[in-house]
Structures are given as structure tokens and as C-alpha cells.
Amino acid sequence: MTVEYPSSRTAPPPNIGFETRARVTLAGYKRELIRHRRTERGLRQALAREEALLFQKQQLIQHQAVLSQEANHRLLNGLQLIVSLLSLQSRATPNPEVASQLATAADRIATIGRIHHRLHSLDGVESFALKQYLEDLCSDFSMLLSSDSVSLEHSSRVIVVEGIQITLPTVIAVPLGFIANELITNAVKYGTGRITVSLEPNPERGYVLSVTNDGPGLPDRFDPAVSKGLGMKIVQSLVKQISGELRMGRRDANRGARFTVLFH
């Protein structure tokens, strides 16, 4: 009878392969964990840099806002100082005609200051009623015209606001206020008679703001793109800012001028 003895090269226990695979898997997990931690550190550093840049940007915006407010404040103070000096001089001069002219100049500058203040009084407001804003703006212009006792033509001018009342975001309404300011100034300078500011719905673009005046119409083939006037350049820039459309033509019955801004 032959007896077989176990060989010295015995087969590994069944769990040896599992332990080896477990060690390999664990090592892989550790490497993945290290990579993830490195990625996390990189993301945290990038986030910290972005937060620092955002903080710097916010500080810059706040600084610019403070500078803008300070500039407006200084301008209004300067205008008020000029008004006070003109008023004092008008009361001190013995010439009645010169005194009247100085008083008129003081009234004009005071009105300009009110218009400037109104145009900047809504900074930081999210939305407001545009028609009421235009009515207040035109009221300031009417006071300016009525104080012009030198020109009978200007003293008889009338500015009216017609149309609907709508509430618009400030980013749209404020540029429209500046546009209306420039167009009214243009109508006062070049037109005659009644000036009408109209705000109406428009099926094509949503709404339309128009400023019309009596008197001579626009020259033939008038092109605002080549106009040298600063006011018209400001109007075109603001219309582009609100993604609007500027149209120009003659008023009804082929009289006067009409400037129209279509916007959403």
C-alpha cells in the first residue's frame, strides 16, 4: 500500500486571493482619495480667489457709487451757490433791467438743478411709474421756460404729457428719462409752440415714447448717425442701451418734428 504525503508546495488557502484583491482595491481607493483631496484643495483655492476678486469688484462698485453721489452732491451745491450769488447780485444792483436778468438766470439754474436731481434721484430703485416721472420732469422744464422772460416765444411754450401709466424696471426707465430730457431740450431749442410727450402701447415693440413739437420739421434726409450734436449722440447711445429703436419724422399734417423711441 502506497502512502502519499502532502507536497511541500501546498495550495494557498482560498481566502488569499480575496485578501490580495482587497489590498489592491484599498490602495486604489487611497490613490483616488488623494486625487479627490487634491482636486478639492484646488477648487477651494480657486473659489477663494474668485471670492476675493468678487469682493474687490463689489468694493470698486461701492467706491464708484460713492464718488458718483459725491460728484452729484458737489454739483448741486455748486449750482445752489451760483443761484445764491446771482440772487444777491440781483437785489444789490440799482439797474432794474440787470436785476431782472440776474433773477431770471438764478431761476434757470435752480430749475436745471432740480432736473438734474430728479434724473438721479431714482438710483438704486428697482422700478417706478414712468408717466409720473415724465410729468414731474416736464413740470421742471415748464418752470424753466416760464422763467425765461427775455424770450416771449419761450415764455408761451407749453409742455404736456399724454398716454398711459406703466411701471418699468429702473434699468429701462432711467435711460428713457434721460432720452426724454434730451429730446425735450432739443424741442425747446429748435421747435416752437406746444411740446407733447406721449407714452403709448405699441403692438410692434411693446411701448413707444415720443416727443413732438410744432414749428419747422426736420431737414430732408436728416441722419442722426452723422449729426454733430452731442444730444443726439446721447439719445442714440441710450436707445441702443435699452435695445430700443429710434425713429424720426414730421408731426401730423407735415408740421413740426416727431422723435419716437420703441422699446419693450
Protein backbone atom coordinates (compact mmCIF):
# COMPACT_ATOMS: atom_id res chain seq x y z
CA MET A 1 0.00 0.00 0.00
CA THR A 2 1.43 3.30 -1.04
CA VAL A 3 1.06 6.24 1.26
CA GLU A 4 1.07 9.72 -0.34
CA TYR A 5 2.42 12.50 1.75
CA PRO A 6 1.36 16.11 1.20
CA SER A 7 3.72 18.11 -1.01
CA SER A 8 5.69 20.98 0.48
CA ARG A 9 4.11 23.21 -2.18
CA THR A 10 0.69 23.35 -0.73
CA ALA A 11 -2.03 25.37 -2.49
CA PRO A 12 -2.83 28.73 -0.85
CA PRO A 13 -5.91 28.92 1.23
CA PRO A 14 -8.94 30.04 -0.71
CA ASN A 15 -9.06 33.48 1.00
CA ILE A 16 -5.54 34.55 -0.04
CA GLY A 17 -6.67 35.80 -3.49
CA PHE A 18 -9.51 37.77 -1.94
CA GLU A 19 -7.16 39.48 0.54
CA THR A 20 -4.76 40.40 -2.28
CA ARG A 21 -7.55 41.87 -4.33
CA ALA A 22 -8.80 43.70 -1.26
CA ARG A 23 -5.35 45.21 -0.69
CA VAL A 24 -5.14 46.28 -4.32
CA THR A 25 -8.62 47.78 -4.19
CA LEU A 26 -7.85 49.57 -0.93
CA ALA A 27 -4.67 51.01 -2.41
CA GLY A 28 -6.68 52.22 -5.41
CA TYR A 29 -9.23 53.83 -3.11
CA LYS A 30 -6.45 55.60 -1.26
CA ARG A 31 -4.99 56.92 -4.51
CA GLU A 32 -8.43 58.09 -5.64
CA LEU A 33 -9.00 59.70 -2.26
CA ILE A 34 -5.68 61.55 -2.54
CA ARG A 35 -6.60 62.76 -6.03
CA HIS A 36 -10.01 63.89 -4.85
CA ARG A 37 -8.48 65.74 -1.92
CA ARG A 38 -6.00 67.46 -4.23
CA THR A 39 -8.87 68.42 -6.55
CA GLU A 40 -10.87 69.66 -3.59
CA ARG A 41 -7.96 71.80 -2.41
CA GLY A 42 -7.58 73.21 -5.91
CA LEU A 43 -11.27 74.02 -6.12
CA ARG A 44 -11.24 75.62 -2.69
CA GLN A 45 -8.25 77.76 -3.67
CA ALA A 46 -9.94 78.76 -6.96
CA LEU A 47 -13.15 79.58 -5.06
CA ALA A 48 -11.19 81.68 -2.58
CA ARG A 49 -9.57 83.59 -5.45
CA GLU A 50 -12.95 84.17 -7.09
CA GLU A 51 -14.45 85.35 -3.80
CA ALA A 52 -11.52 87.74 -3.34
CA LEU A 53 -11.99 89.11 -6.87
CA LEU A 54 -15.75 89.45 -6.30
CA PHE A 55 -15.13 91.29 -3.04
CA GLN A 56 -12.71 93.65 -4.79
CA LYS A 57 -15.28 94.23 -7.57
CA GLN A 58 -18.02 94.98 -5.04
CA GLN A 59 -15.72 97.40 -3.24
CA LEU A 60 -14.93 99.10 -6.56
CA ILE A 61 -18.62 99.39 -7.41
CA GLN A 62 -19.38 100.84 -3.99
CA HIS A 63 -16.47 103.25 -4.34
CA GLN A 64 -17.70 104.37 -7.75
CA ALA A 65 -21.22 104.80 -6.38
CA VAL A 66 -19.88 106.95 -3.53
CA LEU A 67 -17.85 109.02 -6.00
CA SER A 68 -20.92 109.46 -8.21
CA GLN A 69 -23.04 110.56 -5.25
CA GLU A 70 -20.30 112.90 -4.10
CA ALA A 71 -19.98 114.38 -7.61
CA ASN A 72 -23.75 114.93 -7.82
CA HIS A 73 -23.75 116.45 -4.35
CA ARG A 74 -20.92 118.81 -5.23
CA LEU A 75 -22.61 119.78 -8.49
CA LEU A 76 -25.91 120.56 -6.77
CA ASN A 77 -24.09 122.53 -4.08
CA GLY A 78 -22.23 124.43 -6.76
CA LEU A 79 -25.46 125.24 -8.59
CA GLN A 80 -27.08 126.37 -5.36
CA LEU A 81 -24.09 128.62 -4.64
CA ILE A 82 -24.40 130.18 -8.10
CA VAL A 83 -28.13 130.72 -7.54
CA SER A 84 -27.45 132.42 -4.22
CA LEU A 85 -24.77 134.68 -5.71
CA LEU A 86 -26.99 135.67 -8.63
CA SER A 87 -29.91 136.36 -6.30
CA LEU A 88 -27.75 138.53 -4.05
CA GLN A 89 -26.38 140.40 -7.03
CA SER A 90 -29.85 140.96 -8.47
CA ARG A 91 -31.01 142.53 -5.20
CA ALA A 92 -27.89 144.66 -4.93
CA THR A 93 -27.84 146.14 -8.41
CA PRO A 94 -29.59 149.50 -8.88
CA ASN A 95 -30.46 148.77 -12.51
CA PRO A 96 -33.92 147.16 -12.66
CA GLU A 97 -33.27 145.56 -16.07
CA VAL A 98 -30.00 143.97 -14.93
CA ALA A 99 -31.65 142.85 -11.68
CA SER A 100 -34.42 141.14 -13.66
CA GLN A 101 -31.92 139.38 -15.90
CA LEU A 102 -29.88 138.16 -12.92
CA ALA A 103 -33.02 136.89 -11.18
CA THR A 104 -34.07 135.07 -14.36
CA ALA A 105 -30.63 133.46 -14.62
CA ALA A 106 -30.89 132.34 -10.99
CA ASP A 107 -34.29 130.77 -11.66
CA ARG A 108 -32.95 128.95 -14.71
CA ILE A 109 -30.01 127.48 -12.84
CA ALA A 110 -32.24 126.45 -9.92
CA THR A 111 -34.54 124.63 -12.34
CA ILE A 112 -31.59 122.92 -14.02
CA GLY A 113 -30.51 121.74 -10.58
CA ARG A 114 -33.98 120.30 -9.91
CA ILE A 115 -33.97 118.49 -13.25
CA HIS A 116 -30.52 117.04 -12.54
CA HIS A 117 -31.62 115.95 -9.08
CA ARG A 118 -34.75 114.32 -10.47
CA LEU A 119 -32.78 112.41 -13.09
CA HIS A 120 -30.50 110.97 -10.40
CA SER A 121 -32.98 110.63 -7.54
CA LEU A 122 -34.02 107.10 -8.54
CA ASP A 123 -30.58 105.48 -8.40
CA GLY A 124 -30.95 102.13 -6.62
CA VAL A 125 -34.74 101.93 -7.13
CA GLU A 126 -35.81 98.72 -8.86
CA SER A 127 -38.83 100.11 -10.74
CA PHE A 128 -41.08 103.18 -10.89
CA ALA A 129 -44.02 104.70 -12.75
CA LEU A 130 -42.65 106.28 -15.90
CA LYS A 131 -45.51 108.64 -16.76
CA GLN A 132 -45.47 110.32 -13.34
CA TYR A 133 -41.72 110.68 -13.66
CA LEU A 134 -42.11 112.33 -17.09
CA GLU A 135 -44.81 114.65 -15.75
CA ASP A 136 -42.51 115.81 -12.96
CA LEU A 137 -39.65 116.24 -15.42
CA CYS A 138 -41.83 118.28 -17.81
CA SER A 139 -43.06 120.38 -14.89
CA ASP A 140 -39.46 121.36 -14.20
CA PHE A 141 -38.97 122.22 -17.87
CA SER A 142 -42.15 124.30 -17.87
CA MET A 143 -40.88 126.27 -14.89
CA LEU A 144 -37.62 126.82 -16.73
CA LEU A 145 -39.46 128.12 -19.81
CA SER A 146 -41.83 130.33 -17.81
CA SER A 147 -38.85 131.94 -16.07
CA ASP A 148 -37.43 132.97 -19.46
CA SER A 149 -38.89 136.44 -19.52
CA VAL A 150 -36.42 137.54 -22.19
CA SER A 151 -37.95 135.37 -24.91
CA LEU A 152 -41.72 135.74 -25.44
CA GLU A 153 -41.56 132.69 -27.66
CA HIS A 154 -40.22 130.52 -24.85
CA SER A 155 -42.45 132.02 -22.20
CA SER A 156 -45.54 130.96 -24.18
CA ARG A 157 -44.38 127.37 -24.67
CA VAL A 158 -46.44 124.52 -23.21
CA ILE A 159 -45.20 121.01 -22.42
CA VAL A 160 -47.80 118.30 -21.87
CA VAL A 161 -47.59 114.58 -21.11
CA GLU A 162 -50.14 112.18 -22.59
CA GLY A 163 -50.71 108.43 -22.67
CA ILE A 164 -50.69 105.51 -20.30
CA GLN A 165 -49.15 104.90 -16.91
CA ILE A 166 -46.70 101.99 -16.82
CA THR A 167 -44.21 100.75 -14.27
CA LEU A 168 -40.83 99.81 -15.71
CA PRO A 169 -37.57 98.47 -14.30
CA THR A 170 -35.15 101.24 -13.43
CA VAL A 171 -32.59 99.94 -15.96
CA ILE A 172 -35.13 100.79 -18.68
CA ALA A 173 -36.97 103.75 -17.15
CA VAL A 174 -33.93 105.85 -16.18
CA PRO A 175 -32.40 105.78 -19.70
CA LEU A 176 -35.85 106.69 -21.05
CA GLY A 177 -35.89 109.63 -18.64
CA PHE A 178 -32.55 110.84 -19.99
CA ILE A 179 -33.77 110.30 -23.56
CA ALA A 180 -36.90 112.37 -22.84
CA ASN A 181 -34.73 115.05 -21.26
CA GLU A 182 -32.55 115.33 -24.37
CA LEU A 183 -35.50 115.27 -26.78
CA ILE A 184 -37.40 117.93 -24.82
CA THR A 185 -34.27 120.08 -24.71
CA ASN A 186 -33.94 119.65 -28.47
CA ALA A 187 -37.62 120.57 -28.99
CA VAL A 188 -37.25 123.68 -26.83
CA LYS A 189 -34.14 124.73 -28.73
CA TYR A 190 -35.30 124.15 -32.31
CA GLY A 191 -39.11 123.91 -32.21
CA THR A 192 -41.96 126.27 -31.49
CA GLY A 193 -45.37 126.07 -29.88
CA ARG A 194 -46.68 123.06 -27.98
CA ILE A 195 -44.37 120.19 -26.99
CA THR A 196 -46.08 116.85 -26.42
CA VAL A 197 -44.51 113.89 -24.61
CA SER A 198 -46.52 110.73 -25.25
CA LEU A 199 -46.28 107.23 -23.79
CA GLU A 200 -48.37 104.61 -25.58
CA PRO A 201 -48.57 100.82 -26.10
CA ASN A 202 -47.21 99.56 -29.39
CA PRO A 203 -48.06 96.17 -30.92
CA GLU A 204 -44.73 96.05 -32.70
CA ARG A 205 -42.26 96.62 -29.86
CA GLY A 206 -44.33 96.84 -26.66
CA TYR A 207 -44.30 100.57 -25.91
CA VAL A 208 -43.45 103.82 -27.62
CA LEU A 209 -42.20 107.10 -26.17
CA SER A 210 -42.50 110.10 -28.48
CA VAL A 211 -41.66 113.79 -28.24
CA THR A 212 -43.24 116.11 -30.80
CA ASN A 213 -43.23 119.85 -31.32
CA ASP A 214 -44.73 122.45 -33.61
CA GLY A 215 -42.76 124.66 -35.93
CA PRO A 216 -40.26 123.68 -38.60
CA GLY A 217 -39.81 119.98 -39.29
CA LEU A 218 -36.60 118.04 -39.64
CA PRO A 219 -34.40 118.79 -42.64
CA ASP A 220 -34.78 116.46 -45.61
CA ARG A 221 -32.62 113.34 -45.35
CA PHE A 222 -31.76 114.13 -41.75
CA ASP A 223 -29.44 111.39 -40.47
CA PRO A 224 -28.80 111.27 -36.71
CA ALA A 225 -25.85 108.93 -37.27
CA VAL A 226 -23.85 111.79 -38.80
CA SER A 227 -25.26 114.51 -36.56
CA LYS A 228 -22.58 116.51 -34.78
CA GLY A 229 -24.87 117.39 -31.88
CA LEU A 230 -23.94 115.82 -28.55
CA GLY A 231 -27.60 115.50 -27.53
CA MET A 232 -28.49 113.29 -30.49
CA LYS A 233 -25.43 111.10 -29.86
CA ILE A 234 -26.53 110.66 -26.24
CA VAL A 235 -30.04 109.72 -27.38
CA GLN A 236 -28.75 107.12 -29.83
CA SER A 237 -26.43 105.61 -27.22
CA LEU A 238 -29.22 105.34 -24.64
CA VAL A 239 -31.66 103.86 -27.17
CA LYS A 240 -29.07 101.21 -28.01
CA GLN A 241 -28.54 100.57 -24.29
CA ILE A 242 -32.20 99.57 -23.81
CA SER A 243 -32.28 97.62 -27.13
CA GLY A 244 -34.82 100.09 -28.48
CA GLU A 245 -35.36 101.71 -31.86
CA LEU A 246 -35.24 105.42 -32.69
CA ARG A 247 -37.49 106.79 -35.42
CA MET A 248 -37.77 110.36 -36.68
CA GLY A 249 -40.21 112.17 -38.91
CA ARG A 250 -42.67 115.00 -39.19
CA ARG A 251 -45.63 115.62 -36.96
CA ASP A 252 -49.22 115.32 -38.18
CA ALA A 253 -50.15 117.50 -41.18
CA ASN A 254 -46.47 117.52 -42.12
CA ARG A 255 -45.69 120.11 -39.45
CA GLY A 256 -43.16 120.04 -36.70
CA ALA A 257 -40.86 117.20 -35.73
CA ARG A 258 -41.50 113.85 -34.08
CA PHE A 259 -38.91 111.69 -32.31
CA THR A 260 -40.12 108.21 -31.37
CA VAL A 261 -38.42 105.53 -29.26
CA LEU A 262 -39.82 102.00 -29.43
CA PHE A 263 -38.92 99.67 -26.57
CA HIS A 264 -40.02 96.58 -24.66
